[in-house]
Amino acid sequence: MRLCASEGGSSLLDGEICLPTPERMKRDRFRKDGAALRVLSTVAWLYESGDIGDDEVAAAQRWRMEYDYAALGIVEDGGMTRGGEAGDLHTWMLGRGKCAQRLRHLAEILGPSLHARIEMMLVREMSFPDMARMIFPEGARAQARTKTAAQCALALERISEYYNNKTCNINKNKV
């Protein structure tokens, strides 16, 4: 078993197993998914505990893809499609602007508290105990984690409703 990054900076070869660095193994919680190790995110934890459903998981993934596109200009190959845009710099930047506008509108709808939870959960990838320490510095840790998890589930439900209503409004306009 070898690590992906060798001294020469070579790429991953066929059949080679890629492991997280020892530092990351200490910092993150992982779960086995077949032969791969996956980071156990707060969204996965909420889903596995039954606090959120498939719609909320999809909304979290969409929000993160839109954030990456609007803030960083990153689009994954299997991610968003741009509906046949020509792909020049101007259409790309207009698309990023529209995406950023959508995220700003969603942040206004959520309010600063829920939007902060979404950023902690999806951008900063904080764990519930870490979020609870920031949100509820005083009081019982277990209760603070429970409150934080409930607030994050609520925020994801609101995002899911926003995207579902946005899709319904687009489909109504086309008819």
N, C-alpha and C. Protein backbone atom coordinates (compact mmCIF):
# COMPACT_ATOMS: atom_id res chain seq x y z
N MET A 1 0.85 -1.17 0.00
CA MET A 1 0.00 0.00 0.00
C MET A 1 0.89 1.23 0.00
N ARG A 2 0.64 2.15 -0.94
CA ARG A 2 1.44 3.37 -1.05
C ARG A 2 0.56 4.59 -0.93
N LEU A 3 1.16 5.67 -0.55
CA LEU A 3 0.46 6.95 -0.57
C LEU A 3 0.45 7.48 -1.98
N CYS A 4 -0.52 8.32 -2.31
CA CYS A 4 -0.63 8.86 -3.66
C CYS A 4 0.56 9.72 -4.04
N ALA A 5 0.89 10.66 -3.22
CA ALA A 5 1.94 11.61 -3.57
C ALA A 5 3.29 11.05 -3.16
N SER A 6 4.07 10.73 -4.14
CA SER A 6 5.42 10.25 -3.84
C SER A 6 6.37 11.42 -3.83
N GLU A 7 7.61 11.16 -3.53
CA GLU A 7 8.61 12.22 -3.43
C GLU A 7 8.73 12.99 -4.74
N GLY A 8 8.58 12.33 -5.85
CA GLY A 8 8.72 12.99 -7.14
C GLY A 8 7.45 13.68 -7.61
N GLY A 9 6.36 13.62 -6.80
CA GLY A 9 5.11 14.27 -7.18
C GLY A 9 4.39 13.55 -8.30
N SER A 10 4.57 12.24 -8.40
CA SER A 10 3.94 11.48 -9.48
C SER A 10 2.44 11.39 -9.26
N SER A 11 1.72 11.10 -10.33
CA SER A 11 0.28 10.99 -10.24
C SER A 11 -0.12 9.59 -9.78
N LEU A 12 -1.39 9.41 -9.52
CA LEU A 12 -1.93 8.15 -9.07
C LEU A 12 -1.89 7.13 -10.21
N LEU A 13 -1.31 5.99 -9.94
CA LEU A 13 -1.23 4.93 -10.94
C LEU A 13 -2.38 3.97 -10.76
N ASP A 14 -2.69 3.18 -11.79
CA ASP A 14 -3.75 2.19 -11.71
C ASP A 14 -3.48 1.21 -10.58
N GLY A 15 -4.50 0.95 -9.76
CA GLY A 15 -4.38 -0.01 -8.69
C GLY A 15 -3.70 0.53 -7.44
N GLU A 16 -3.25 1.75 -7.48
CA GLU A 16 -2.57 2.34 -6.34
C GLU A 16 -3.62 2.87 -5.36
N ILE A 17 -3.41 2.64 -4.08
CA ILE A 17 -4.35 3.07 -3.07
C ILE A 17 -3.92 4.42 -2.53
N CYS A 18 -4.88 5.33 -2.46
CA CYS A 18 -4.60 6.68 -2.00
C CYS A 18 -5.13 6.84 -0.58
N LEU A 19 -4.26 7.18 0.35
CA LEU A 19 -4.65 7.38 1.74
C LEU A 19 -4.48 8.84 2.12
N PRO A 20 -5.32 9.32 3.04
CA PRO A 20 -5.12 10.68 3.54
C PRO A 20 -3.80 10.77 4.31
N THR A 21 -3.29 11.98 4.42
CA THR A 21 -2.05 12.17 5.17
C THR A 21 -2.31 11.88 6.65
N PRO A 22 -1.26 11.56 7.40
CA PRO A 22 -1.44 11.31 8.84
C PRO A 22 -2.06 12.51 9.57
N GLU A 23 -1.71 13.72 9.16
CA GLU A 23 -2.28 14.91 9.79
C GLU A 23 -3.78 14.97 9.57
N ARG A 24 -4.22 14.65 8.34
CA ARG A 24 -5.65 14.69 8.04
C ARG A 24 -6.38 13.55 8.74
N MET A 25 -5.73 12.41 8.86
CA MET A 25 -6.35 11.30 9.58
C MET A 25 -6.64 11.68 11.03
N LYS A 26 -5.79 12.49 11.63
CA LYS A 26 -6.01 12.94 13.01
C LYS A 26 -7.14 13.96 13.08
N ARG A 27 -7.25 14.82 12.07
CA ARG A 27 -8.19 15.92 12.10
C ARG A 27 -9.60 15.51 11.73
N ASP A 28 -9.77 14.69 10.69
CA ASP A 28 -11.08 14.34 10.17
C ASP A 28 -11.53 12.97 10.62
N ARG A 29 -12.85 12.78 10.59
CA ARG A 29 -13.43 11.46 10.84
C ARG A 29 -13.72 10.84 9.49
N PHE A 30 -13.37 9.58 9.32
CA PHE A 30 -13.55 8.90 8.05
C PHE A 30 -14.47 7.70 8.24
N ARG A 31 -15.10 7.29 7.13
CA ARG A 31 -15.88 6.05 7.11
C ARG A 31 -15.47 5.28 5.87
N LYS A 32 -15.60 3.99 5.95
CA LYS A 32 -15.26 3.11 4.82
C LYS A 32 -16.41 3.11 3.83
N ASP A 33 -16.12 3.33 2.56
CA ASP A 33 -17.11 3.26 1.49
C ASP A 33 -16.50 2.38 0.41
N GLY A 34 -16.73 1.07 0.53
CA GLY A 34 -16.05 0.12 -0.36
C GLY A 34 -14.58 0.10 0.00
N ALA A 35 -13.73 0.34 -0.99
CA ALA A 35 -12.29 0.38 -0.74
C ALA A 35 -11.81 1.78 -0.36
N ALA A 36 -12.70 2.76 -0.49
CA ALA A 36 -12.30 4.15 -0.27
C ALA A 36 -12.64 4.61 1.14
N LEU A 37 -11.86 5.56 1.61
CA LEU A 37 -12.15 6.25 2.86
C LEU A 37 -12.81 7.58 2.51
N ARG A 38 -13.95 7.87 3.11
CA ARG A 38 -14.66 9.12 2.85
C ARG A 38 -14.73 9.91 4.15
N VAL A 39 -14.63 11.25 4.02
CA VAL A 39 -14.78 12.11 5.18
C VAL A 39 -16.24 12.06 5.60
N LEU A 40 -16.48 11.85 6.89
CA LEU A 40 -17.84 11.83 7.41
C LEU A 40 -18.24 13.27 7.68
N SER A 41 -18.94 13.87 6.75
CA SER A 41 -19.33 15.28 6.86
C SER A 41 -20.55 15.41 7.76
N THR A 42 -20.82 16.65 8.14
CA THR A 42 -22.00 16.90 8.95
C THR A 42 -23.27 16.58 8.18
N VAL A 43 -23.27 16.81 6.88
CA VAL A 43 -24.44 16.49 6.06
C VAL A 43 -24.66 14.97 6.05
N ALA A 44 -23.59 14.21 5.89
CA ALA A 44 -23.71 12.74 5.92
C ALA A 44 -24.21 12.27 7.28
N TRP A 45 -23.72 12.89 8.34
CA TRP A 45 -24.15 12.52 9.68
C TRP A 45 -25.64 12.79 9.86
N LEU A 46 -26.10 13.96 9.42
CA LEU A 46 -27.53 14.29 9.53
C LEU A 46 -28.38 13.33 8.70
N TYR A 47 -27.88 12.95 7.52
CA TYR A 47 -28.61 12.03 6.65
C TYR A 47 -28.69 10.64 7.27
N GLU A 48 -27.56 10.16 7.76
CA GLU A 48 -27.53 8.81 8.35
C GLU A 48 -28.35 8.72 9.63
N SER A 49 -28.49 9.83 10.34
CA SER A 49 -29.29 9.83 11.57
C SER A 49 -30.78 10.02 11.28
N GLY A 50 -31.13 10.30 10.02
CA GLY A 50 -32.53 10.46 9.64
C GLY A 50 -33.07 11.86 9.85
N ASP A 51 -32.21 12.81 10.18
CA ASP A 51 -32.67 14.19 10.40
C ASP A 51 -32.97 14.93 9.11
N ILE A 52 -32.34 14.54 8.02
CA ILE A 52 -32.60 15.14 6.71
C ILE A 52 -32.78 14.02 5.69
N GLY A 53 -33.35 14.38 4.55
CA GLY A 53 -33.58 13.40 3.49
C GLY A 53 -32.74 13.67 2.26
N ASP A 54 -33.09 12.99 1.19
CA ASP A 54 -32.36 13.11 -0.07
C ASP A 54 -32.41 14.52 -0.65
N ASP A 55 -33.56 15.19 -0.52
CA ASP A 55 -33.69 16.55 -1.05
C ASP A 55 -32.71 17.51 -0.38
N GLU A 56 -32.55 17.37 0.92
CA GLU A 56 -31.65 18.26 1.66
C GLU A 56 -30.19 17.97 1.30
N VAL A 57 -29.86 16.70 1.11
CA VAL A 57 -28.49 16.34 0.70
C VAL A 57 -28.21 16.92 -0.68
N ALA A 58 -29.16 16.78 -1.59
CA ALA A 58 -28.99 17.33 -2.94
C ALA A 58 -28.87 18.85 -2.89
N ALA A 59 -29.66 19.49 -2.03
CA ALA A 59 -29.59 20.95 -1.91
C ALA A 59 -28.24 21.37 -1.35
N ALA A 60 -27.71 20.63 -0.39
CA ALA A 60 -26.38 20.95 0.16
C ALA A 60 -25.31 20.82 -0.92
N GLN A 61 -25.39 19.77 -1.72
CA GLN A 61 -24.42 19.59 -2.80
C GLN A 61 -24.54 20.70 -3.84
N ARG A 62 -25.78 21.07 -4.17
CA ARG A 62 -25.98 22.14 -5.15
C ARG A 62 -25.45 23.47 -4.61
N TRP A 63 -25.75 23.76 -3.32
CA TRP A 63 -25.29 25.01 -2.73
C TRP A 63 -23.76 25.07 -2.77
N ARG A 64 -23.11 23.95 -2.43
CA ARG A 64 -21.64 23.95 -2.43
C ARG A 64 -21.08 24.12 -3.84
N MET A 65 -21.71 23.48 -4.83
CA MET A 65 -21.26 23.66 -6.22
C MET A 65 -21.43 25.11 -6.66
N GLU A 66 -22.56 25.71 -6.29
CA GLU A 66 -22.78 27.11 -6.66
C GLU A 66 -21.81 28.03 -5.92
N TYR A 67 -21.51 27.74 -4.68
CA TYR A 67 -20.54 28.53 -3.94
C TYR A 67 -19.16 28.44 -4.60
N ASP A 68 -18.75 27.22 -4.94
CA ASP A 68 -17.45 27.04 -5.59
C ASP A 68 -17.39 27.81 -6.91
N TYR A 69 -18.48 27.79 -7.66
CA TYR A 69 -18.53 28.49 -8.95
C TYR A 69 -18.51 30.00 -8.75
N ALA A 70 -19.39 30.50 -7.86
CA ALA A 70 -19.51 31.95 -7.67
C ALA A 70 -18.28 32.55 -6.99
N ALA A 71 -17.80 31.92 -5.95
CA ALA A 71 -16.71 32.50 -5.16
C ALA A 71 -15.34 32.18 -5.72
N LEU A 72 -15.18 30.97 -6.25
CA LEU A 72 -13.85 30.51 -6.66
C LEU A 72 -13.70 30.31 -8.16
N GLY A 73 -14.81 30.27 -8.89
CA GLY A 73 -14.74 30.05 -10.33
C GLY A 73 -14.46 28.61 -10.70
N ILE A 74 -14.79 27.69 -9.79
CA ILE A 74 -14.51 26.27 -10.00
C ILE A 74 -15.79 25.54 -10.38
N VAL A 75 -15.73 24.77 -11.45
CA VAL A 75 -16.84 23.92 -11.85
C VAL A 75 -16.29 22.52 -12.04
N GLU A 76 -16.90 21.55 -11.36
CA GLU A 76 -16.47 20.17 -11.52
C GLU A 76 -17.06 19.63 -12.82
N ASP A 77 -16.37 18.67 -13.42
CA ASP A 77 -16.80 18.11 -14.70
C ASP A 77 -18.21 17.55 -14.64
N GLY A 78 -18.51 16.79 -13.60
CA GLY A 78 -19.83 16.17 -13.48
C GLY A 78 -20.84 17.09 -12.82
N GLY A 79 -20.48 18.33 -12.56
CA GLY A 79 -21.33 19.25 -11.82
C GLY A 79 -22.31 19.99 -12.70
N MET A 80 -22.35 21.29 -12.51
CA MET A 80 -23.32 22.12 -13.21
C MET A 80 -23.04 22.13 -14.70
N THR A 81 -24.11 22.13 -15.45
CA THR A 81 -23.96 22.34 -16.89
C THR A 81 -24.42 23.75 -17.18
N ARG A 82 -23.85 24.34 -18.18
CA ARG A 82 -24.16 25.74 -18.45
C ARG A 82 -25.08 25.89 -19.65
N GLY A 83 -25.81 24.88 -19.95
CA GLY A 83 -26.86 24.98 -20.96
C GLY A 83 -26.41 25.43 -22.33
N GLY A 84 -25.28 24.96 -22.81
CA GLY A 84 -24.85 25.26 -24.16
C GLY A 84 -24.27 26.64 -24.36
N GLU A 85 -23.77 27.27 -23.32
CA GLU A 85 -23.14 28.58 -23.47
C GLU A 85 -21.91 28.45 -24.35
N ALA A 86 -21.60 29.53 -25.04
CA ALA A 86 -20.46 29.53 -25.95
C ALA A 86 -19.16 29.31 -25.20
N GLY A 87 -19.09 29.74 -23.95
CA GLY A 87 -17.91 29.48 -23.16
C GLY A 87 -16.86 30.56 -23.21
N ASP A 88 -17.18 31.72 -23.75
CA ASP A 88 -16.17 32.77 -23.72
C ASP A 88 -16.14 33.40 -22.33
N LEU A 89 -15.18 34.25 -22.11
CA LEU A 89 -14.96 34.84 -20.80
C LEU A 89 -16.19 35.61 -20.31
N HIS A 90 -16.87 36.30 -21.20
CA HIS A 90 -18.00 37.12 -20.80
C HIS A 90 -19.18 36.28 -20.33
N THR A 91 -19.51 35.23 -21.06
CA THR A 91 -20.63 34.39 -20.63
C THR A 91 -20.29 33.67 -19.33
N TRP A 92 -19.02 33.28 -19.18
CA TRP A 92 -18.57 32.62 -17.94
C TRP A 92 -18.74 33.56 -16.75
N MET A 93 -18.33 34.81 -16.90
CA MET A 93 -18.44 35.77 -15.80
C MET A 93 -19.89 36.15 -15.53
N LEU A 94 -20.71 36.24 -16.57
CA LEU A 94 -22.13 36.50 -16.35
C LEU A 94 -22.78 35.34 -15.58
N GLY A 95 -22.40 34.12 -15.93
CA GLY A 95 -22.91 32.96 -15.20
C GLY A 95 -22.49 32.98 -13.74
N ARG A 96 -21.24 33.33 -13.49
CA ARG A 96 -20.76 33.44 -12.10
C ARG A 96 -21.51 34.52 -11.35
N GLY A 97 -21.78 35.63 -12.04
CA GLY A 97 -22.52 36.73 -11.41
C GLY A 97 -23.93 36.32 -11.04
N LYS A 98 -24.61 35.62 -11.94
CA LYS A 98 -25.97 35.14 -11.65
C LYS A 98 -25.96 34.15 -10.49
N CYS A 99 -24.97 33.31 -10.46
CA CYS A 99 -24.83 32.33 -9.38
C CYS A 99 -24.60 33.05 -8.05
N ALA A 100 -23.73 34.05 -8.05
CA ALA A 100 -23.46 34.82 -6.83
C ALA A 100 -24.71 35.56 -6.38
N GLN A 101 -25.48 36.09 -7.33
CA GLN A 101 -26.73 36.78 -6.99
C GLN A 101 -27.72 35.80 -6.34
N ARG A 102 -27.81 34.60 -6.87
CA ARG A 102 -28.69 33.58 -6.30
C ARG A 102 -28.28 33.25 -4.86
N LEU A 103 -26.98 33.11 -4.63
CA LEU A 103 -26.50 32.82 -3.28
C LEU A 103 -26.75 33.98 -2.32
N ARG A 104 -26.60 35.22 -2.80
CA ARG A 104 -26.89 36.39 -1.96
C ARG A 104 -28.37 36.42 -1.59
N HIS A 105 -29.22 36.14 -2.57
CA HIS A 105 -30.67 36.13 -2.32
C HIS A 105 -31.01 35.05 -1.29
N LEU A 106 -30.43 33.90 -1.43
CA LEU A 106 -30.66 32.81 -0.48
C LEU A 106 -30.16 33.20 0.91
N ALA A 107 -29.02 33.87 0.99
CA ALA A 107 -28.49 34.31 2.30
C ALA A 107 -29.45 35.31 2.95
N GLU A 108 -30.05 36.18 2.15
CA GLU A 108 -31.03 37.13 2.68
C GLU A 108 -32.26 36.41 3.21
N ILE A 109 -32.71 35.38 2.49
CA ILE A 109 -33.88 34.62 2.92
C ILE A 109 -33.58 33.86 4.21
N LEU A 110 -32.40 33.24 4.28
CA LEU A 110 -32.03 32.46 5.46
C LEU A 110 -31.82 33.33 6.68
N GLY A 111 -31.27 34.51 6.48
CA GLY A 111 -30.88 35.35 7.60
C GLY A 111 -29.46 35.03 8.01
N PRO A 112 -28.85 35.91 8.79
CA PRO A 112 -27.44 35.73 9.12
C PRO A 112 -27.13 34.48 9.95
N SER A 113 -28.03 34.09 10.83
CA SER A 113 -27.76 32.94 11.69
C SER A 113 -27.70 31.63 10.90
N LEU A 114 -28.75 31.36 10.13
CA LEU A 114 -28.77 30.11 9.37
C LEU A 114 -27.72 30.11 8.27
N HIS A 115 -27.48 31.27 7.67
CA HIS A 115 -26.45 31.34 6.64
C HIS A 115 -25.08 31.04 7.24
N ALA A 116 -24.83 31.51 8.45
CA ALA A 116 -23.56 31.21 9.12
C ALA A 116 -23.41 29.71 9.36
N ARG A 117 -24.52 29.06 9.73
CA ARG A 117 -24.47 27.60 9.94
C ARG A 117 -24.14 26.87 8.64
N ILE A 118 -24.74 27.33 7.54
CA ILE A 118 -24.48 26.71 6.24
C ILE A 118 -23.02 26.86 5.87
N GLU A 119 -22.46 28.05 6.05
CA GLU A 119 -21.05 28.25 5.72
C GLU A 119 -20.14 27.42 6.60
N MET A 120 -20.46 27.35 7.90
CA MET A 120 -19.65 26.51 8.80
C MET A 120 -19.70 25.05 8.38
N MET A 121 -20.88 24.61 7.97
CA MET A 121 -21.08 23.21 7.65
C MET A 121 -20.53 22.85 6.26
N LEU A 122 -20.80 23.67 5.25
CA LEU A 122 -20.49 23.30 3.88
C LEU A 122 -19.18 23.88 3.35
N VAL A 123 -18.79 25.07 3.81
CA VAL A 123 -17.57 25.68 3.30
C VAL A 123 -16.39 25.35 4.21
N ARG A 124 -16.56 25.62 5.48
CA ARG A 124 -15.47 25.39 6.44
C ARG A 124 -15.41 23.93 6.89
N GLU A 125 -16.47 23.16 6.60
CA GLU A 125 -16.55 21.73 6.92
C GLU A 125 -16.25 21.46 8.39
N MET A 126 -16.87 22.27 9.24
CA MET A 126 -16.68 22.12 10.68
C MET A 126 -17.55 20.98 11.21
N SER A 127 -17.10 20.35 12.26
CA SER A 127 -17.89 19.31 12.92
C SER A 127 -18.91 19.98 13.84
N PHE A 128 -19.90 19.21 14.29
CA PHE A 128 -20.90 19.75 15.19
C PHE A 128 -20.29 20.24 16.51
N PRO A 129 -19.37 19.49 17.11
CA PRO A 129 -18.75 20.01 18.35
C PRO A 129 -18.02 21.34 18.13
N ASP A 130 -17.33 21.47 16.99
CA ASP A 130 -16.63 22.73 16.71
C ASP A 130 -17.62 23.88 16.51
N MET A 131 -18.70 23.62 15.77
CA MET A 131 -19.72 24.65 15.58
C MET A 131 -20.37 25.01 16.91
N ALA A 132 -20.67 24.01 17.72
CA ALA A 132 -21.33 24.24 19.00
C ALA A 132 -20.46 25.11 19.92
N ARG A 133 -19.15 24.90 19.89
CA ARG A 133 -18.26 25.73 20.71
C ARG A 133 -18.31 27.19 20.29
N MET A 134 -18.47 27.44 18.99
CA MET A 134 -18.55 28.82 18.51
C MET A 134 -19.92 29.45 18.77
N ILE A 135 -20.98 28.67 18.56
CA ILE A 135 -22.34 29.22 18.66
C ILE A 135 -22.79 29.32 20.12
N PHE A 136 -22.50 28.29 20.89
CA PHE A 136 -22.90 28.22 22.29
C PHE A 136 -21.67 28.03 23.17
N PRO A 137 -20.91 29.10 23.42
CA PRO A 137 -19.68 28.93 24.20
C PRO A 137 -19.93 28.52 25.65
N GLU A 138 -21.09 28.84 26.18
CA GLU A 138 -21.43 28.47 27.56
C GLU A 138 -22.43 27.31 27.54
N GLY A 139 -22.47 26.55 28.61
CA GLY A 139 -23.49 25.51 28.73
C GLY A 139 -22.95 24.12 28.44
N ALA A 140 -23.86 23.17 28.52
CA ALA A 140 -23.52 21.76 28.34
C ALA A 140 -23.15 21.48 26.88
N ARG A 141 -22.07 20.78 26.67
CA ARG A 141 -21.58 20.47 25.32
C ARG A 141 -22.55 19.58 24.56
N ALA A 142 -23.10 18.55 25.19
CA ALA A 142 -24.00 17.64 24.49
C ALA A 142 -25.25 18.37 24.02
N GLN A 143 -25.79 19.24 24.88
CA GLN A 143 -26.98 20.01 24.51
C GLN A 143 -26.65 20.98 23.39
N ALA A 144 -25.49 21.60 23.44
CA ALA A 144 -25.08 22.54 22.39
C ALA A 144 -24.93 21.82 21.05
N ARG A 145 -24.36 20.61 21.05
CA ARG A 145 -24.23 19.85 19.80
C ARG A 145 -25.60 19.50 19.23
N THR A 146 -26.52 19.11 20.10
CA THR A 146 -27.87 18.75 19.65
C THR A 146 -28.57 19.96 19.04
N LYS A 147 -28.46 21.11 19.70
CA LYS A 147 -29.07 22.34 19.16
C LYS A 147 -28.45 22.70 17.82
N THR A 148 -27.14 22.59 17.73
CA THR A 148 -26.45 22.94 16.49
C THR A 148 -26.88 22.02 15.36
N ALA A 149 -26.97 20.72 15.63
CA ALA A 149 -27.40 19.77 14.60
C ALA A 149 -28.82 20.09 14.13
N ALA A 150 -29.71 20.44 15.06
CA ALA A 150 -31.09 20.78 14.70
C ALA A 150 -31.12 22.04 13.84
N GLN A 151 -30.32 23.04 14.19
CA GLN A 151 -30.27 24.27 13.41
C GLN A 151 -29.72 24.02 12.00
N CYS A 152 -28.72 23.16 11.91
CA CYS A 152 -28.16 22.84 10.60
C CYS A 152 -29.18 22.09 9.74
N ALA A 153 -29.93 21.17 10.35
CA ALA A 153 -30.97 20.45 9.61
C ALA A 153 -32.03 21.43 9.11
N LEU A 154 -32.42 22.38 9.96
CA LEU A 154 -33.39 23.40 9.56
C LEU A 154 -32.86 24.23 8.39
N ALA A 155 -31.60 24.62 8.46
CA ALA A 155 -31.00 25.42 7.39
C ALA A 155 -31.01 24.64 6.08
N LEU A 156 -30.68 23.36 6.12
CA LEU A 156 -30.69 22.54 4.91
C LEU A 156 -32.10 22.37 4.36
N GLU A 157 -33.10 22.26 5.23
CA GLU A 157 -34.49 22.17 4.78
C GLU A 157 -34.89 23.45 4.06
N ARG A 158 -34.48 24.59 4.61
CA ARG A 158 -34.81 25.88 3.98
C ARG A 158 -34.15 26.01 2.61
N ILE A 159 -32.90 25.56 2.49
CA ILE A 159 -32.21 25.60 1.20
C ILE A 159 -32.91 24.70 0.19
N SER A 160 -33.30 23.52 0.66
CA SER A 160 -34.01 22.58 -0.22
C SER A 160 -35.32 23.19 -0.71
N GLU A 161 -36.07 23.81 0.18
CA GLU A 161 -37.32 24.47 -0.22
C GLU A 161 -37.05 25.58 -1.23
N TYR A 162 -35.99 26.35 -1.00
CA TYR A 162 -35.65 27.44 -1.92
C TYR A 162 -35.38 26.89 -3.32
N TYR A 163 -34.53 25.86 -3.41
CA TYR A 163 -34.21 25.31 -4.73
C TYR A 163 -35.42 24.65 -5.37
N ASN A 164 -36.24 23.95 -4.58
CA ASN A 164 -37.44 23.32 -5.14
C ASN A 164 -38.41 24.38 -5.65
N ASN A 165 -38.60 25.47 -4.91
CA ASN A 165 -39.50 26.53 -5.37
C ASN A 165 -38.92 27.24 -6.58
N LYS A 166 -37.62 27.42 -6.63
CA LYS A 166 -36.97 28.05 -7.77
C LYS A 166 -37.21 27.21 -9.03
N THR A 167 -37.08 25.89 -8.90
CA THR A 167 -37.30 24.98 -10.03
C THR A 167 -38.76 25.02 -10.46
N CYS A 168 -39.69 25.05 -9.49
CA CYS A 168 -41.11 25.10 -9.83
C CYS A 168 -41.44 26.39 -10.56
N ASN A 169 -40.88 27.52 -10.10
CA ASN A 169 -41.15 28.80 -10.75
C ASN A 169 -40.59 28.83 -12.17
N ILE A 170 -39.43 28.24 -12.38
CA ILE A 170 -38.85 28.19 -13.73
C ILE A 170 -39.73 27.35 -14.64
N ASN A 171 -40.20 26.20 -14.15
CA ASN A 171 -41.05 25.33 -14.95
C ASN A 171 -42.40 25.98 -15.27
N LYS A 172 -42.95 26.78 -14.32
CA LYS A 172 -44.22 27.48 -14.57
C LYS A 172 -44.06 28.51 -15.67
N ASN A 173 -42.91 29.20 -15.66
CA ASN A 173 -42.66 30.23 -16.67
C ASN A 173 -42.50 29.64 -18.06
N LYS A 174 -42.05 28.39 -18.16
CA LYS A 174 -41.84 27.76 -19.46
C LYS A 174 -43.15 27.30 -20.07
N VAL A 175 -44.15 27.02 -19.24
CA VAL A 175 -45.42 26.48 -19.73
C VAL A 175 -46.29 27.55 -20.32
